Amino acid sequence: KTLKKALSPSTENVVNSSPDLILELADYLLHSGQPRDSVDILKRAVGVNNKNKAVRTDGRIWIRWSDIVGRIEESSSPGCYDHKAARDILQMGLQYIDVNESGHCMVLIELIRLLLDDCGQRETSS
């Protein structure tokens, strides 16, 4: 296998591997100018078809997915960004991750941070 093929977002083995490897691959894709492929790998990693619970419940993956989607949205409409898509992803993460999992708390804190950022932006623009 070539390195490019091994790192391809279509490689199902990656989304069933460790959360750290998934995050590294997502960062690699993002920094090599492929943000949508990065989003795709993260989305598939936490998807219901992935039987690896350690991956699906890792709050870092949900937060990274949310962050990259937020960056994509912000770059497409500068100055008009309200974190809606990022918040939606985090809210979905809260539904997928059990309350007793540490990832639930991580995602909840990030969601609260985004909500506070949105409130602050609304107040300063008024």
C-alpha atoms as a PDB file:
ATOM      1  CA  LYS A   1       0.000   0.000   0.000  1.00  0.00           C
ATOM      2  CA  THR A   2       1.093   3.519  -0.635  1.00  0.00           C
ATOM      3  CA  LEU A   3       1.048   6.096   2.144  1.00  0.00           C
ATOM      4  CA  LYS A   4      -1.636   8.093   0.344  1.00  0.00           C
ATOM      5  CA  LYS A   5      -3.868   5.032   0.052  1.00  0.00           C
ATOM      6  CA  ALA A   6      -3.231   4.043   3.666  1.00  0.00           C
ATOM      7  CA  LEU A   7      -4.227   7.531   4.826  1.00  0.00           C
ATOM      8  CA  SER A   8      -7.224   7.746   2.522  1.00  0.00           C
ATOM      9  CA  PRO A   9     -10.422   8.892   4.273  1.00  0.00           C
ATOM     10  CA  SER A  10     -12.191   5.953   2.660  1.00  0.00           C
ATOM     11  CA  THR A  11     -10.121   3.488   4.690  1.00  0.00           C
ATOM     12  CA  GLU A  12     -12.618   1.879   7.051  1.00  0.00           C
ATOM     13  CA  ASN A  13      -9.868   0.472   9.265  1.00  0.00           C
ATOM     14  CA  VAL A  14      -8.994   3.985  10.370  1.00  0.00           C
ATOM     15  CA  VAL A  15     -12.427   4.791  11.793  1.00  0.00           C
ATOM     16  CA  ASN A  16     -12.377   1.527  13.731  1.00  0.00           C
ATOM     17  CA  SER A  17      -8.923   2.139  15.183  1.00  0.00           C
ATOM     18  CA  SER A  18      -7.876   4.290  18.130  1.00  0.00           C
ATOM     19  CA  PRO A  19      -9.253   7.786  18.761  1.00  0.00           C
ATOM     20  CA  ASP A  20      -5.688   9.153  18.719  1.00  0.00           C
ATOM     21  CA  LEU A  21      -5.028   7.788  15.223  1.00  0.00           C
ATOM     22  CA  ILE A  22      -8.332   9.214  13.959  1.00  0.00           C
ATOM     23  CA  LEU A  23      -7.494  12.639  15.379  1.00  0.00           C
ATOM     24  CA  GLU A  24      -3.988  12.529  13.865  1.00  0.00           C
ATOM     25  CA  LEU A  25      -5.401  11.613  10.450  1.00  0.00           C
ATOM     26  CA  ALA A  26      -8.019  14.368  10.685  1.00  0.00           C
ATOM     27  CA  ASP A  27      -5.282  16.896  11.514  1.00  0.00           C
ATOM     28  CA  TYR A  28      -3.127  15.634   8.657  1.00  0.00           C
ATOM     29  CA  LEU A  29      -5.991  16.012   6.197  1.00  0.00           C
ATOM     30  CA  LEU A  30      -6.876  19.451   7.529  1.00  0.00           C
ATOM     31  CA  HIS A  31      -3.305  20.731   7.300  1.00  0.00           C
ATOM     32  CA  SER A  32      -2.850  19.278   3.823  1.00  0.00           C
ATOM     33  CA  GLY A  33      -5.771  21.347   2.518  1.00  0.00           C
ATOM     34  CA  GLN A  34      -8.491  18.706   2.705  1.00  0.00           C
ATOM     35  CA  PRO A  35     -10.878  19.971   5.411  1.00  0.00           C
ATOM     36  CA  ARG A  36     -13.913  18.200   3.977  1.00  0.00           C
ATOM     37  CA  ASP A  37     -12.068  14.855   4.008  1.00  0.00           C
ATOM     38  CA  SER A  38     -11.075  15.580   7.596  1.00  0.00           C
ATOM     39  CA  VAL A  39     -14.728  16.192   8.482  1.00  0.00           C
ATOM     40  CA  ASP A  40     -15.734  13.007   6.693  1.00  0.00           C
ATOM     41  CA  ILE A  41     -13.312  10.826   8.656  1.00  0.00           C
ATOM     42  CA  LEU A  42     -14.447  12.325  11.985  1.00  0.00           C
ATOM     43  CA  LYS A  43     -18.127  12.024  11.078  1.00  0.00           C
ATOM     44  CA  ARG A  44     -17.731   8.366  10.134  1.00  0.00           C
ATOM     45  CA  ALA A  45     -15.697   7.669  13.270  1.00  0.00           C
ATOM     46  CA  VAL A  46     -18.556   8.675  15.575  1.00  0.00           C
ATOM     47  CA  GLY A  47     -21.312   7.332  13.338  1.00  0.00           C
ATOM     48  CA  VAL A  48     -23.733   4.662  14.438  1.00  0.00           C
ATOM     49  CA  ASN A  49     -22.152   2.153  12.027  1.00  0.00           C
ATOM     50  CA  ASN A  50     -18.891   2.238  13.973  1.00  0.00           C
ATOM     51  CA  LYS A  51     -19.017  -0.534  16.572  1.00  0.00           C
ATOM     52  CA  ASN A  52     -15.936   0.777  18.391  1.00  0.00           C
ATOM     53  CA  LYS A  53     -17.488   2.423  21.463  1.00  0.00           C
ATOM     54  CA  ALA A  54     -14.169   3.926  22.572  1.00  0.00           C
ATOM     55  CA  VAL A  55     -14.124   5.947  19.351  1.00  0.00           C
ATOM     56  CA  ARG A  56     -17.823   6.878  19.292  1.00  0.00           C
ATOM     57  CA  THR A  57     -17.750   8.162  22.871  1.00  0.00           C
ATOM     58  CA  ASP A  58     -14.461  10.060  22.673  1.00  0.00           C
ATOM     59  CA  GLY A  59     -15.363  13.702  23.235  1.00  0.00           C
ATOM     60  CA  ARG A  60     -12.224  14.886  21.457  1.00  0.00           C
ATOM     61  CA  ILE A  61     -13.485  13.511  18.149  1.00  0.00           C
ATOM     62  CA  TRP A  62     -16.854  15.256  18.480  1.00  0.00           C
ATOM     63  CA  ILE A  63     -15.147  18.515  19.459  1.00  0.00           C
ATOM     64  CA  ARG A  64     -12.646  18.351  16.586  1.00  0.00           C
ATOM     65  CA  TRP A  65     -15.443  17.602  14.098  1.00  0.00           C
ATOM     66  CA  SER A  66     -17.398  20.571  15.438  1.00  0.00           C
ATOM     67  CA  ASP A  67     -14.346  22.827  15.302  1.00  0.00           C
ATOM     68  CA  ILE A  68     -13.466  22.002  11.696  1.00  0.00           C
ATOM     69  CA  VAL A  69     -17.061  22.407  10.515  1.00  0.00           C
ATOM     70  CA  GLY A  70     -17.110  25.745  12.315  1.00  0.00           C
ATOM     71  CA  ARG A  71     -13.946  26.851  10.534  1.00  0.00           C
ATOM     72  CA  ILE A  72     -15.389  25.854   7.165  1.00  0.00           C
ATOM     73  CA  GLU A  73     -18.603  27.765   7.849  1.00  0.00           C
ATOM     74  CA  GLU A  74     -16.781  30.808   9.186  1.00  0.00           C
ATOM     75  CA  SER A  75     -14.547  31.012   6.119  1.00  0.00           C
ATOM     76  CA  SER A  76     -17.548  30.815   3.802  1.00  0.00           C
ATOM     77  CA  SER A  77     -19.417  33.653   5.550  1.00  0.00           C
ATOM     78  CA  PRO A  78     -17.020  35.866   7.520  1.00  0.00           C
ATOM     79  CA  GLY A  79     -18.636  38.101  10.101  1.00  0.00           C
ATOM     80  CA  CYS A  80     -21.943  36.231  10.025  1.00  0.00           C
ATOM     81  CA  TYR A  81     -20.940  33.128  11.907  1.00  0.00           C
ATOM     82  CA  ASP A  82     -23.167  31.939  14.766  1.00  0.00           C
ATOM     83  CA  HIS A  83     -21.717  28.460  15.489  1.00  0.00           C
ATOM     84  CA  LYS A  84     -25.025  26.752  14.542  1.00  0.00           C
ATOM     85  CA  ALA A  85     -23.524  23.753  12.734  1.00  0.00           C
ATOM     86  CA  ALA A  86     -20.833  23.358  15.394  1.00  0.00           C
ATOM     87  CA  ARG A  87     -23.473  23.481  18.148  1.00  0.00           C
ATOM     88  CA  ASP A  88     -25.622  20.932  16.311  1.00  0.00           C
ATOM     89  CA  ILE A  89     -22.706  18.492  16.154  1.00  0.00           C
ATOM     90  CA  LEU A  90     -21.977  18.904  19.860  1.00  0.00           C
ATOM     91  CA  GLN A  91     -25.655  18.462  20.754  1.00  0.00           C
ATOM     92  CA  MET A  92     -25.683  15.261  18.714  1.00  0.00           C
ATOM     93  CA  GLY A  93     -22.583  14.137  20.614  1.00  0.00           C
ATOM     94  CA  LEU A  94     -24.400  14.657  23.899  1.00  0.00           C
ATOM     95  CA  GLN A  95     -27.152  12.350  22.644  1.00  0.00           C
ATOM     96  CA  TYR A  96     -24.687   9.635  21.582  1.00  0.00           C
ATOM     97  CA  ILE A  97     -22.359   9.737  24.592  1.00  0.00           C
ATOM     98  CA  ASP A  98     -23.701   8.408  27.896  1.00  0.00           C
ATOM     99  CA  VAL A  99     -23.670  10.847  30.806  1.00  0.00           C
ATOM    100  CA  ASN A 100     -21.281   8.589  32.747  1.00  0.00           C
ATOM    101  CA  GLU A 101     -18.649   8.757  29.965  1.00  0.00           C
ATOM    102  CA  SER A 102     -15.925  11.421  30.318  1.00  0.00           C
ATOM    103  CA  GLY A 103     -16.513  12.469  26.707  1.00  0.00           C
ATOM    104  CA  HIS A 104     -19.993  13.696  27.649  1.00  0.00           C
ATOM    105  CA  CYS A 105     -18.575  16.309  30.023  1.00  0.00           C
ATOM    106  CA  MET A 106     -15.961  17.424  27.466  1.00  0.00           C
ATOM    107  CA  VAL A 107     -18.595  17.929  24.778  1.00  0.00           C
ATOM    108  CA  LEU A 108     -20.951  19.691  27.184  1.00  0.00           C
ATOM    109  CA  ILE A 109     -18.244  22.158  28.234  1.00  0.00           C
ATOM    110  CA  GLU A 110     -17.413  22.937  24.597  1.00  0.00           C
ATOM    111  CA  LEU A 111     -21.098  23.455  23.804  1.00  0.00           C
ATOM    112  CA  ILE A 112     -21.456  25.877  26.715  1.00  0.00           C
ATOM    113  CA  ARG A 113     -18.354  27.736  25.516  1.00  0.00           C
ATOM    114  CA  LEU A 114     -19.851  28.146  22.040  1.00  0.00           C
ATOM    115  CA  LEU A 115     -23.161  29.328  23.487  1.00  0.00           C
ATOM    116  CA  LEU A 116     -21.357  31.907  25.622  1.00  0.00           C
ATOM    117  CA  ASP A 117     -19.335  33.049  22.596  1.00  0.00           C
ATOM    118  CA  ASP A 118     -22.563  33.501  20.635  1.00  0.00           C
ATOM    119  CA  CYS A 119     -24.110  35.529  23.465  1.00  0.00           C
ATOM    120  CA  GLY A 120     -21.031  37.732  23.653  1.00  0.00           C
ATOM    121  CA  GLN A 121     -21.050  38.334  19.892  1.00  0.00           C
ATOM    122  CA  ARG A 122     -24.721  39.327  19.947  1.00  0.00           C
ATOM    123  CA  GLU A 123     -24.157  41.788  22.791  1.00  0.00           C
ATOM    124  CA  THR A 124     -21.206  43.481  21.105  1.00  0.00           C
ATOM    125  CA  SER A 125     -23.012  43.767  17.761  1.00  0.00           C
ATOM    126  CA  SER A 126     -26.080  45.441  19.369  1.00  0.00           C
END
